[in-house]
PDB file of N, CA and C in Angstrom:
ATOM      1  N   UNK A   1      -3.359 141.273 111.171  1.00  0.00           N
ATOM      2  CA  UNK A   1      -4.592 140.174 110.783  1.00  0.00           C
ATOM      3  C   UNK A   1      -4.527 138.976 111.839  1.00  0.00           C
ATOM      4  N   UNK A   2      -5.657 138.224 112.487  1.00  0.00           N
ATOM      5  CA  UNK A   2      -5.423 137.149 113.155  1.00  0.00           C
ATOM      6  C   UNK A   2      -5.317 136.019 112.201  1.00  0.00           C
ATOM      7  N   UNK A   3      -4.785 134.878 112.538  1.00  0.00           N
ATOM      8  CA  UNK A   3      -4.682 133.513 111.937  1.00  0.00           C
ATOM      9  C   UNK A   3      -5.211 132.421 112.771  1.00  0.00           C
ATOM     10  N   UNK A   4      -6.045 131.618 112.153  1.00  0.00           N
ATOM     11  CA  UNK A   4      -6.295 130.674 112.978  1.00  0.00           C
ATOM     12  C   UNK A   4      -5.939 129.194 111.920  1.00  0.00           C
ATOM     13  N   UNK A   5      -5.812 127.884 112.776  1.00  0.00           N
ATOM     14  CA  UNK A   5      -5.290 126.712 112.064  1.00  0.00           C
ATOM     15  C   UNK A   5      -6.417 125.743 112.197  1.00  0.00           C
ATOM     16  N   UNK A   6      -7.126 125.484 111.015  1.00  0.00           N
ATOM     17  CA  UNK A   6      -7.949 124.495 110.988  1.00  0.00           C
ATOM     18  C   UNK A   6      -7.441 122.878 111.192  1.00  0.00           C
ATOM     19  N   UNK A   7      -8.414 122.238 112.069  1.00  0.00           N
ATOM     20  CA  UNK A   7      -7.989 120.652 112.111  1.00  0.00           C
ATOM     21  C   UNK A   7      -9.036 120.055 111.175  1.00  0.00           C
ATOM     22  N   UNK A   8      -8.832 118.755 110.967  1.00  0.00           N
ATOM     23  CA  UNK A   8      -9.617 118.062 109.939  1.00  0.00           C
ATOM     24  C   UNK A   8     -11.238 117.886 110.778  1.00  0.00           C
ATOM     25  N   UNK A   9     -11.037 117.835 112.321  1.00  0.00           N
ATOM     26  CA  UNK A   9     -12.345 117.597 112.697  1.00  0.00           C
ATOM     27  C   UNK A   9     -13.298 118.820 112.689  1.00  0.00           C
ATOM     28  N   UNK A  10     -13.256 119.972 112.777  1.00  0.00           N
ATOM     29  CA  UNK A  10     -14.122 121.049 112.385  1.00  0.00           C
ATOM     30  C   UNK A  10     -14.798 120.898 110.927  1.00  0.00           C
ATOM     31  N   UNK A  11     -13.922 120.566 110.128  1.00  0.00           N
ATOM     32  CA  UNK A  11     -14.074 120.474 108.745  1.00  0.00           C
ATOM     33  C   UNK A  11     -15.124 119.275 108.252  1.00  0.00           C
ATOM     34  N   UNK A  12     -14.714 118.348 109.176  1.00  0.00           N
ATOM     35  CA  UNK A  12     -15.506 116.957 108.849  1.00  0.00           C
ATOM     36  C   UNK A  12     -17.077 117.238 109.400  1.00  0.00           C
ATOM     37  N   UNK A  13     -16.989 117.916 110.661  1.00  0.00           N
ATOM     38  CA  UNK A  13     -18.603 118.138 111.083  1.00  0.00           C
ATOM     39  C   UNK A  13     -18.956 119.153 110.359  1.00  0.00           C
ATOM     40  N   UNK A  14     -18.550 120.335 109.597  1.00  0.00           N
ATOM     41  CA  UNK A  14     -19.073 121.308 108.905  1.00  0.00           C
ATOM     42  C   UNK A  14     -19.631 120.476 107.429  1.00  0.00           C
ATOM     43  N   UNK A  15     -18.990 119.572 107.038  1.00  0.00           N
ATOM     44  CA  UNK A  15     -19.368 118.715 105.831  1.00  0.00           C
ATOM     45  C   UNK A  15     -20.657 118.076 106.333  1.00  0.00           C
ATOM     46  N   UNK A  16     -20.544 117.467 107.523  1.00  0.00           N
ATOM     47  CA  UNK A  16     -21.691 116.727 108.164  1.00  0.00           C
ATOM     48  C   UNK A  16     -23.150 117.762 108.273  1.00  0.00           C
ATOM     49  N   UNK A  17     -22.751 118.920 108.341  1.00  0.00           N
ATOM     50  CA  UNK A  17     -23.614 119.774 108.721  1.00  0.00           C
ATOM     51  C   UNK A  17     -24.354 119.707 110.103  1.00  0.00           C
ATOM     52  N   UNK A  18     -23.605 119.695 110.700  1.00  0.00           N
ATOM     53  CA  UNK A  18     -23.942 119.652 112.304  1.00  0.00           C
ATOM     54  C   UNK A  18     -23.745 120.907 112.819  1.00  0.00           C
ATOM     55  N   UNK A  19     -25.140 121.400 113.491  1.00  0.00           N
ATOM     56  CA  UNK A  19     -25.317 122.692 113.641  1.00  0.00           C
ATOM     57  C   UNK A  19     -24.047 123.766 114.167  1.00  0.00           C
ATOM     58  N   UNK A  20     -23.892 123.434 115.586  1.00  0.00           N
ATOM     59  CA  UNK A  20     -23.048 124.269 116.346  1.00  0.00           C
ATOM     60  C   UNK A  20     -21.733 124.166 115.282  1.00  0.00           C
ATOM     61  N   UNK A  21     -20.741 123.172 115.068  1.00  0.00           N
ATOM     62  CA  UNK A  21     -19.597 123.301 114.281  1.00  0.00           C
ATOM     63  C   UNK A  21     -19.843 124.104 112.985  1.00  0.00           C
ATOM     64  N   UNK A  22     -21.031 123.858 112.450  1.00  0.00           N
ATOM     65  CA  UNK A  22     -21.172 124.402 110.983  1.00  0.00           C
ATOM     66  C   UNK A  22     -21.459 126.032 111.092  1.00  0.00           C
ATOM     67  N   UNK A  23     -22.228 126.640 112.235  1.00  0.00           N
ATOM     68  CA  UNK A  23     -21.969 127.811 112.245  1.00  0.00           C
ATOM     69  C   UNK A  23     -20.603 128.302 112.394  1.00  0.00           C
ATOM     70  N   UNK A  24     -20.115 127.756 113.634  1.00  0.00           N
ATOM     71  CA  UNK A  24     -18.691 128.179 113.682  1.00  0.00           C
ATOM     72  C   UNK A  24     -17.566 128.270 112.464  1.00  0.00           C
ATOM     73  N   UNK A  25     -17.764 127.150 111.590  1.00  0.00           N
ATOM     74  CA  UNK A  25     -16.732 127.310 110.639  1.00  0.00           C
ATOM     75  C   UNK A  25     -17.404 128.394 109.531  1.00  0.00           C
ATOM     76  N   UNK A  26     -18.712 128.477 109.394  1.00  0.00           N
ATOM     77  CA  UNK A  26     -19.307 129.376 108.366  1.00  0.00           C
ATOM     78  C   UNK A  26     -18.703 130.756 108.835  1.00  0.00           C
ATOM     79  N   UNK A  27     -18.676 131.031 109.920  1.00  0.00           N
ATOM     80  CA  UNK A  27     -18.428 132.551 110.738  1.00  0.00           C
ATOM     81  C   UNK A  27     -16.738 132.349 110.126  1.00  0.00           C
ATOM     82  N   UNK A  28     -15.963 131.480 110.545  1.00  0.00           N
ATOM     83  CA  UNK A  28     -14.533 131.615 110.471  1.00  0.00           C
ATOM     84  C   UNK A  28     -14.421 131.885 108.570  1.00  0.00           C
ATOM     85  N   UNK A  29     -15.105 131.067 107.945  1.00  0.00           N
ATOM     86  CA  UNK A  29     -15.080 131.449 106.439  1.00  0.00           C
ATOM     87  C   UNK A  29     -15.404 132.754 106.233  1.00  0.00           C
ATOM     88  N   UNK A  30     -16.354 133.087 106.725  1.00  0.00           N
ATOM     89  CA  UNK A  30     -16.878 134.720 106.261  1.00  0.00           C
ATOM     90  C   UNK A  30     -15.822 135.770 106.835  1.00  0.00           C
ATOM     91  N   UNK A  31     -15.187 135.398 108.002  1.00  0.00           N
ATOM     92  CA  UNK A  31     -14.197 136.382 108.285  1.00  0.00           C
ATOM     93  C   UNK A  31     -13.090 136.452 107.330  1.00  0.00           C
ATOM     94  N   UNK A  32     -12.662 135.060 106.800  1.00  0.00           N
ATOM     95  CA  UNK A  32     -11.686 134.918 105.986  1.00  0.00           C
ATOM     96  C   UNK A  32     -12.052 135.702 104.597  1.00  0.00           C
ATOM     97  N   UNK A  33     -12.939 135.465 104.189  1.00  0.00           N
ATOM     98  CA  UNK A  33     -13.584 135.993 102.958  1.00  0.00           C
ATOM     99  C   UNK A  33     -13.386 137.461 102.928  1.00  0.00           C
ATOM    100  N   UNK A  34     -13.884 138.192 104.084  1.00  0.00           N
ATOM    101  CA  UNK A  34     -13.639 139.621 104.474  1.00  0.00           C
ATOM    102  C   UNK A  34     -12.262 140.132 104.711  1.00  0.00           C
ATOM    103  N   UNK A  35     -11.246 139.283 104.498  1.00  0.00           N
ATOM    104  CA  UNK A  35     -10.099 139.551 104.921  1.00  0.00           C
ATOM    105  C   UNK A  35      -9.764 140.031 106.318  1.00  0.00           C
ATOM    106  N   UNK A  36     -10.382 139.509 107.199  1.00  0.00           N
ATOM    107  CA  UNK A  36     -10.355 139.915 108.653  1.00  0.00           C
ATOM    108  C   UNK A  36      -9.620 138.905 109.293  1.00  0.00           C
ATOM    109  N   UNK A  37      -9.519 137.484 108.784  1.00  0.00           N
ATOM    110  CA  UNK A  37      -8.788 136.375 109.343  1.00  0.00           C
ATOM    111  C   UNK A  37      -8.114 135.770 108.275  1.00  0.00           C
ATOM    112  N   UNK A  38      -6.946 134.848 108.490  1.00  0.00           N
ATOM    113  CA  UNK A  38      -6.278 134.205 107.843  1.00  0.00           C
ATOM    114  C   UNK A  38      -6.368 132.893 108.517  1.00  0.00           C
ATOM    115  N   UNK A  39      -7.044 132.022 107.305  1.00  0.00           N
ATOM    116  CA  UNK A  39      -7.346 130.496 107.863  1.00  0.00           C
ATOM    117  C   UNK A  39      -6.369 129.678 106.880  1.00  0.00           C
ATOM    118  N   UNK A  40      -5.767 128.803 107.910  1.00  0.00           N
ATOM    119  CA  UNK A  40      -4.618 127.955 107.466  1.00  0.00           C
ATOM    120  C   UNK A  40      -5.168 126.594 107.799  1.00  0.00           C
ATOM    121  N   UNK A  41      -4.913 125.387 107.079  1.00  0.00           N
ATOM    122  CA  UNK A  41      -4.881 123.950 107.065  1.00  0.00           C
ATOM    123  C   UNK A  41      -3.700 123.424 106.610  1.00  0.00           C
ATOM    124  N   UNK A  42      -3.246 122.233 107.167  1.00  0.00           N
ATOM    125  CA  UNK A  42      -2.240 121.550 106.551  1.00  0.00           C
ATOM    126  C   UNK A  42      -2.742 120.601 105.558  1.00  0.00           C
ATOM    127  N   UNK A  43      -1.807 120.629 104.492  1.00  0.00           N
ATOM    128  CA  UNK A  43      -2.023 119.635 103.466  1.00  0.00           C
ATOM    129  C   UNK A  43      -2.650 118.032 104.140  1.00  0.00           C
ATOM    130  N   UNK A  44      -2.018 117.646 105.176  1.00  0.00           N
ATOM    131  CA  UNK A  44      -1.911 116.361 105.888  1.00  0.00           C
ATOM    132  C   UNK A  44      -3.395 116.386 106.392  1.00  0.00           C
ATOM    133  N   UNK A  45      -3.871 117.468 106.868  1.00  0.00           N
ATOM    134  CA  UNK A  45      -5.552 117.585 107.225  1.00  0.00           C
ATOM    135  C   UNK A  45      -6.120 117.377 106.165  1.00  0.00           C
ATOM    136  N   UNK A  46      -6.032 118.305 105.019  1.00  0.00           N
ATOM    137  CA  UNK A  46      -6.527 117.882 103.751  1.00  0.00           C
ATOM    138  C   UNK A  46      -6.710 116.390 103.394  1.00  0.00           C
ATOM    139  N   UNK A  47      -5.765 115.971 103.039  1.00  0.00           N
ATOM    140  CA  UNK A  47      -5.512 114.225 102.994  1.00  0.00           C
ATOM    141  C   UNK A  47      -6.584 113.451 103.953  1.00  0.00           C
ATOM    142  N   UNK A  48      -6.348 113.931 105.210  1.00  0.00           N
ATOM    143  CA  UNK A  48      -6.984 112.981 106.471  1.00  0.00           C
ATOM    144  C   UNK A  48      -8.552 113.354 106.109  1.00  0.00           C
ATOM    145  N   UNK A  49      -8.863 114.417 105.682  1.00  0.00           N
ATOM    146  CA  UNK A  49     -10.317 114.481 105.347  1.00  0.00           C
ATOM    147  C   UNK A  49     -11.000 113.686 104.321  1.00  0.00           C
ATOM    148  N   UNK A  50      -9.957 113.715 103.114  1.00  0.00           N
ATOM    149  CA  UNK A  50     -10.483 113.055 101.921  1.00  0.00           C
ATOM    150  C   UNK A  50     -10.619 111.643 102.501  1.00  0.00           C
ATOM    151  N   UNK A  51      -9.611 111.051 102.984  1.00  0.00           N
ATOM    152  CA  UNK A  51      -9.268 109.706 103.341  1.00  0.00           C
ATOM    153  C   UNK A  51     -10.593 109.081 104.087  1.00  0.00           C
ATOM    154  N   UNK A  52     -11.008 109.915 105.248  1.00  0.00           N
ATOM    155  CA  UNK A  52     -12.201 109.546 106.250  1.00  0.00           C
ATOM    156  C   UNK A  52     -13.151 109.821 105.310  1.00  0.00           C
ATOM    157  N   UNK A  53     -13.774 110.656 104.230  1.00  0.00           N
ATOM    158  CA  UNK A  53     -14.907 110.657 103.636  1.00  0.00           C
ATOM    159  C   UNK A  53     -14.997 109.513 102.579  1.00  0.00           C
ATOM    160  N   UNK A  54     -14.101 109.207 102.028  1.00  0.00           N
ATOM    161  CA  UNK A  54     -13.863 107.868 101.034  1.00  0.00           C
ATOM    162  C   UNK A  54     -14.224 106.928 102.052  1.00  0.00           C
ATOM    163  N   UNK A  55     -13.455 106.437 102.760  1.00  0.00           N
ATOM    164  CA  UNK A  55     -13.238 105.209 103.893  1.00  0.00           C
ATOM    165  C   UNK A  55     -14.833 105.086 104.481  1.00  0.00           C
ATOM    166  N   UNK A  56     -15.456 106.124 105.131  1.00  0.00           N
ATOM    167  CA  UNK A  56     -16.629 106.247 105.984  1.00  0.00           C
ATOM    168  C   UNK A  56     -17.811 106.500 105.391  1.00  0.00           C
ATOM    169  N   UNK A  57     -17.622 107.087 104.152  1.00  0.00           N
ATOM    170  CA  UNK A  57     -19.004 107.316 103.279  1.00  0.00           C
ATOM    171  C   UNK A  57     -18.904 107.162 101.899  1.00  0.00           C
ATOM    172  N   UNK A  58     -18.283 107.911 100.803  1.00  0.00           N
ATOM    173  CA  UNK A  58     -18.233 107.418  99.381  1.00  0.00           C
ATOM    174  C   UNK A  58     -17.215 108.033  98.764  1.00  0.00           C
ATOM    175  N   UNK A  59     -16.926 107.534  97.582  1.00  0.00           N
ATOM    176  CA  UNK A  59     -15.918 108.118  96.725  1.00  0.00           C
ATOM    177  C   UNK A  59     -16.426 109.408  96.001  1.00  0.00           C
ATOM    178  N   UNK A  60     -17.563 109.267  95.733  1.00  0.00           N
ATOM    179  CA  UNK A  60     -18.251 110.847  95.437  1.00  0.00           C
ATOM    180  C   UNK A  60     -18.104 111.946  96.401  1.00  0.00           C
ATOM    181  N   UNK A  61     -18.587 111.751  97.640  1.00  0.00           N
ATOM    182  CA  UNK A  61     -18.164 112.813  98.802  1.00  0.00           C
ATOM    183  C   UNK A  61     -16.883 113.223  98.843  1.00  0.00           C
ATOM    184  N   UNK A  62     -16.059 112.194  98.855  1.00  0.00           N
ATOM    185  CA  UNK A  62     -14.599 112.531  98.868  1.00  0.00           C
ATOM    186  C   UNK A  62     -14.019 113.219  97.749  1.00  0.00           C
ATOM    187  N   UNK A  63     -14.367 112.878  96.542  1.00  0.00           N
ATOM    188  CA  UNK A  63     -13.947 113.835  95.331  1.00  0.00           C
ATOM    189  C   UNK A  63     -14.469 115.009  95.233  1.00  0.00           C
ATOM    190  N   UNK A  64     -15.831 115.268  95.635  1.00  0.00           N
ATOM    191  CA  UNK A  64     -16.250 116.697  95.953  1.00  0.00           C
ATOM    192  C   UNK A  64     -15.637 117.331  97.001  1.00  0.00           C
ATOM    193  N   UNK A  65     -15.043 116.963  98.104  1.00  0.00           N
ATOM    194  CA  UNK A  65     -14.061 117.577  98.864  1.00  0.00           C
ATOM    195  C   UNK A  65     -12.885 117.791  97.969  1.00  0.00           C
ATOM    196  N   UNK A  66     -12.350 116.925  97.639  1.00  0.00           N
ATOM    197  CA  UNK A  66     -11.257 117.449  96.662  1.00  0.00           C
ATOM    198  C   UNK A  66     -11.012 118.695  95.786  1.00  0.00           C
ATOM    199  N   UNK A  67     -12.587 118.798  95.271  1.00  0.00           N
ATOM    200  CA  UNK A  67     -12.531 119.768  94.221  1.00  0.00           C
ATOM    201  C   UNK A  67     -13.042 121.115  95.142  1.00  0.00           C
ATOM    202  N   UNK A  68     -13.581 120.898  96.157  1.00  0.00           N
ATOM    203  CA  UNK A  68     -14.127 122.294  97.009  1.00  0.00           C
ATOM    204  C   UNK A  68     -13.038 122.780  97.900  1.00  0.00           C
ATOM    205  N   UNK A  69     -11.843 121.907  98.133  1.00  0.00           N
ATOM    206  CA  UNK A  69     -10.881 122.262  99.252  1.00  0.00           C
ATOM    207  C   UNK A  69     -10.289 123.536  98.740  1.00  0.00           C
ATOM    208  N   UNK A  70      -9.824 123.603  97.368  1.00  0.00           N
ATOM    209  CA  UNK A  70      -9.078 124.410  96.947  1.00  0.00           C
ATOM    210  C   UNK A  70      -9.783 125.724  96.669  1.00  0.00           C
ATOM    211  N   UNK A  71     -11.267 125.785  96.773  1.00  0.00           N
ATOM    212  CA  UNK A  71     -12.165 126.980  96.458  1.00  0.00           C
ATOM    213  C   UNK A  71     -12.221 127.570  98.110  1.00  0.00           C
ATOM    214  N   UNK A  72     -12.025 126.860  98.862  1.00  0.00           N
ATOM    215  CA  UNK A  72     -12.414 127.838 100.280  1.00  0.00           C
ATOM    216  C   UNK A  72     -11.294 128.809 100.763  1.00  0.00           C
ATOM    217  N   UNK A  73     -11.892 129.600 101.602  1.00  0.00           N
ATOM    218  CA  UNK A  73     -10.759 130.929 101.759  1.00  0.00           C
ATOM    219  C   UNK A  73      -9.872 130.387 103.034  1.00  0.00           C
ATOM    220  N   UNK A  74      -9.306 129.285 102.555  1.00  0.00           N
ATOM    221  CA  UNK A  74      -8.282 128.633 103.655  1.00  0.00           C
ATOM    222  C   UNK A  74      -6.806 128.623 102.736  1.00  0.00           C
ATOM    223  N   UNK A  75      -5.861 128.851 103.404  1.00  0.00           N
ATOM    224  CA  UNK A  75      -4.578 128.552 102.850  1.00  0.00           C
ATOM    225  C   UNK A  75      -4.022 127.293 102.996  1.00  0.00           C
ATOM    226  N   UNK A  76      -3.745 126.242 102.167  1.00  0.00           N
ATOM    227  CA  UNK A  76      -3.597 124.897 102.383  1.00  0.00           C
ATOM    228  C   UNK A  76      -1.708 124.990 102.429  1.00  0.00           C
ATOM    229  N   UNK A  77      -1.459 124.807 103.675  1.00  0.00           N
ATOM    230  CA  UNK A  77       0.028 124.554 103.859  1.00  0.00           C
ATOM    231  C   UNK A  77       0.476 123.291 103.609  1.00  0.00           C
ATOM    232  N   UNK A  78       1.764 123.233 103.267  1.00  0.00           N
ATOM    233  CA  UNK A  78       2.038 122.003 102.889  1.00  0.00           C
ATOM    234  C   UNK A  78       3.713 121.775 104.086  1.00  0.00           C
ATOM    235  N   UNK A  79       3.424 121.255 104.752  1.00  0.00           N
ATOM    236  CA  UNK A  79       4.360 121.348 105.979  1.00  0.00           C
ATOM    237  C   UNK A  79       6.052 120.643 105.660  1.00  0.00           C
ATOM    238  N   UNK A  80       6.800 121.283 105.995  1.00  0.00           N
ATOM    239  CA  UNK A  80       8.127 120.536 106.132  1.00  0.00           C
ATOM    240  C   UNK A  80       8.150 119.133 106.908  1.00  0.00           C
ATOM    241  N   UNK A  81       9.206 118.305 106.930  1.00  0.00           N
ATOM    242  CA  UNK A  81       9.096 117.271 107.756  1.00  0.00           C
ATOM    243  C   UNK A  81       9.293 117.773 109.082  1.00  0.00           C
ATOM    244  N   UNK A  82      10.317 118.538 109.390  1.00  0.00           N
ATOM    245  CA  UNK A  82      10.729 118.925 110.543  1.00  0.00           C
ATOM    246  C   UNK A  82       9.223 119.590 111.393  1.00  0.00           C
ATOM    247  N   UNK A  83       8.710 120.371 110.687  1.00  0.00           N
ATOM    248  CA  UNK A  83       7.252 120.811 111.271  1.00  0.00           C
ATOM    249  C   UNK A  83       6.369 119.848 111.476  1.00  0.00           C
ATOM    250  N   UNK A  84       6.376 118.821 110.754  1.00  0.00           N
ATOM    251  CA  UNK A  84       5.357 117.660 111.303  1.00  0.00           C
ATOM    252  C   UNK A  84       5.857 116.916 112.554  1.00  0.00           C
ATOM    253  N   UNK A  85       7.056 117.168 112.745  1.00  0.00           N
ATOM    254  CA  UNK A  85       7.359 116.311 113.893  1.00  0.00           C
ATOM    255  C   UNK A  85       7.165 117.043 115.086  1.00  0.00           C
ATOM    256  N   UNK A  86       7.564 118.561 114.813  1.00  0.00           N
ATOM    257  CA  UNK A  86       7.378 119.713 115.847  1.00  0.00           C
ATOM    258  C   UNK A  86       6.001 119.500 116.486  1.00  0.00           C
ATOM    259  N   UNK A  87       4.982 119.511 115.457  1.00  0.00           N
ATOM    260  CA  UNK A  87       3.335 119.208 115.527  1.00  0.00           C
ATOM    261  C   UNK A  87       3.022 118.250 116.345  1.00  0.00           C
ATOM    262  N   UNK A  88       3.711 116.967 116.024  1.00  0.00           N
ATOM    263  CA  UNK A  88       3.446 115.884 116.643  1.00  0.00           C
ATOM    264  C   UNK A  88       3.590 115.899 118.143  1.00  0.00           C
ATOM    265  N   UNK A  89       4.835 116.785 118.374  1.00  0.00           N
ATOM    266  CA  UNK A  89       5.282 116.730 119.832  1.00  0.00           C
ATOM    267  C   UNK A  89       4.328 117.538 120.421  1.00  0.00           C
ATOM    268  N   UNK A  90       4.125 118.644 120.297  1.00  0.00           N
ATOM    269  CA  UNK A  90       3.070 119.484 120.622  1.00  0.00           C
ATOM    270  C   UNK A  90       1.669 118.989 120.789  1.00  0.00           C
ATOM    271  N   UNK A  91       1.193 118.231 119.799  1.00  0.00           N
ATOM    272  CA  UNK A  91       0.023 117.547 120.278  1.00  0.00           C
ATOM    273  C   UNK A  91      -0.076 116.385 121.105  1.00  0.00           C
ATOM    274  N   UNK A  92       1.069 115.650 121.222  1.00  0.00           N
ATOM    275  CA  UNK A  92       1.100 114.860 122.386  1.00  0.00           C
ATOM    276  C   UNK A  92       1.658 115.292 123.705  1.00  0.00           C
ATOM    277  N   UNK A  93       1.939 116.653 123.887  1.00  0.00           N
ATOM    278  CA  UNK A  93       2.316 117.294 125.110  1.00  0.00           C
ATOM    279  C   UNK A  93       1.604 118.377 125.617  1.00  0.00           C
ATOM    280  N   UNK A  94       0.353 118.745 124.731  1.00  0.00           N
ATOM    281  CA  UNK A  94      -0.508 119.679 125.290  1.00  0.00           C
ATOM    282  C   UNK A  94      -1.703 119.656 124.542  1.00  0.00           C
ATOM    283  N   UNK A  95      -2.640 120.294 125.173  1.00  0.00           N
ATOM    284  CA  UNK A  95      -4.109 120.294 124.666  1.00  0.00           C
ATOM    285  C   UNK A  95      -3.961 121.424 123.625  1.00  0.00           C
ATOM    286  N   UNK A  96      -4.161 121.115 122.176  1.00  0.00           N
ATOM    287  CA  UNK A  96      -4.154 122.193 121.378  1.00  0.00           C
ATOM    288  C   UNK A  96      -5.744 122.341 120.855  1.00  0.00           C
ATOM    289  N   UNK A  97      -6.308 121.474 121.044  1.00  0.00           N
ATOM    290  CA  UNK A  97      -7.876 121.460 120.514  1.00  0.00           C
ATOM    291  C   UNK A  97      -8.853 122.116 121.407  1.00  0.00           C
ATOM    292  N   UNK A  98      -9.813 122.862 120.999  1.00  0.00           N
ATOM    293  CA  UNK A  98     -10.866 123.259 121.892  1.00  0.00           C
ATOM    294  C   UNK A  98     -12.023 121.876 121.968  1.00  0.00           C
ATOM    295  N   UNK A  99     -12.429 121.659 123.171  1.00  0.00           N
ATOM    296  CA  UNK A  99     -13.449 120.893 123.153  1.00  0.00           C
ATOM    297  C   UNK A  99     -14.598 121.470 122.652  1.00  0.00           C
ATOM    298  N   UNK A 100     -15.566 120.463 122.082  1.00  0.00           N
ATOM    299  CA  UNK A 100     -16.889 121.508 121.464  1.00  0.00           C
ATOM    300  C   UNK A 100     -17.477 122.240 122.455  1.00  0.00           C
ATOM    301  N   UNK A 101     -17.697 121.890 123.476  1.00  0.00           N
ATOM    302  CA  UNK A 101     -18.434 122.728 124.716  1.00  0.00           C
ATOM    303  C   UNK A 101     -17.661 124.181 124.968  1.00  0.00           C
ATOM    304  N   UNK A 102     -16.572 124.151 124.452  1.00  0.00           N
ATOM    305  CA  UNK A 102     -16.003 125.737 124.504  1.00  0.00           C
ATOM    306  C   UNK A 102     -15.766 126.547 123.388  1.00  0.00           C
ATOM    307  N   UNK A 103     -16.555 126.131 122.132  1.00  0.00           N
ATOM    308  CA  UNK A 103     -16.497 126.615 121.165  1.00  0.00           C
ATOM    309  C   UNK A 103     -17.348 128.067 121.525  1.00  0.00           C
ATOM    310  N   UNK A 104     -17.132 129.121 120.794  1.00  0.00           N
ATOM    311  CA  UNK A 104     -18.102 130.367 120.800  1.00  0.00           C
ATOM    312  C   UNK A 104     -19.348 129.889 120.724  1.00  0.00           C
ATOM    313  N   UNK A 105     -20.307 130.452 121.284  1.00  0.00           N
ATOM    314  CA  UNK A 105     -21.856 130.271 120.968  1.00  0.00           C
ATOM    315  C   UNK A 105     -22.416 131.615 120.282  1.00  0.00           C
TER     316      UNK A 105
END
């Protein structure tokens, strides 16, 4: 089974309802619900989404995210400190994220 790791950006776009990202994330969720794909997200990203929503929108939306996050077909991984350092190095040294224009249509 394939695995995909979600960053906070596509989830924030999905919450905002932007057309293309929403379709893409919905597709990933549907595949995960049918057990065709394993979706993962770091607990750090889950917290980042909460922070962004609370700071730039409102506490109600942030709390809704907090309630919904655990019901999505996504495994929330709590990284070890060493994993955080490795991820930071990888992100600093390479392009891990796809630019919007290269998402599948």
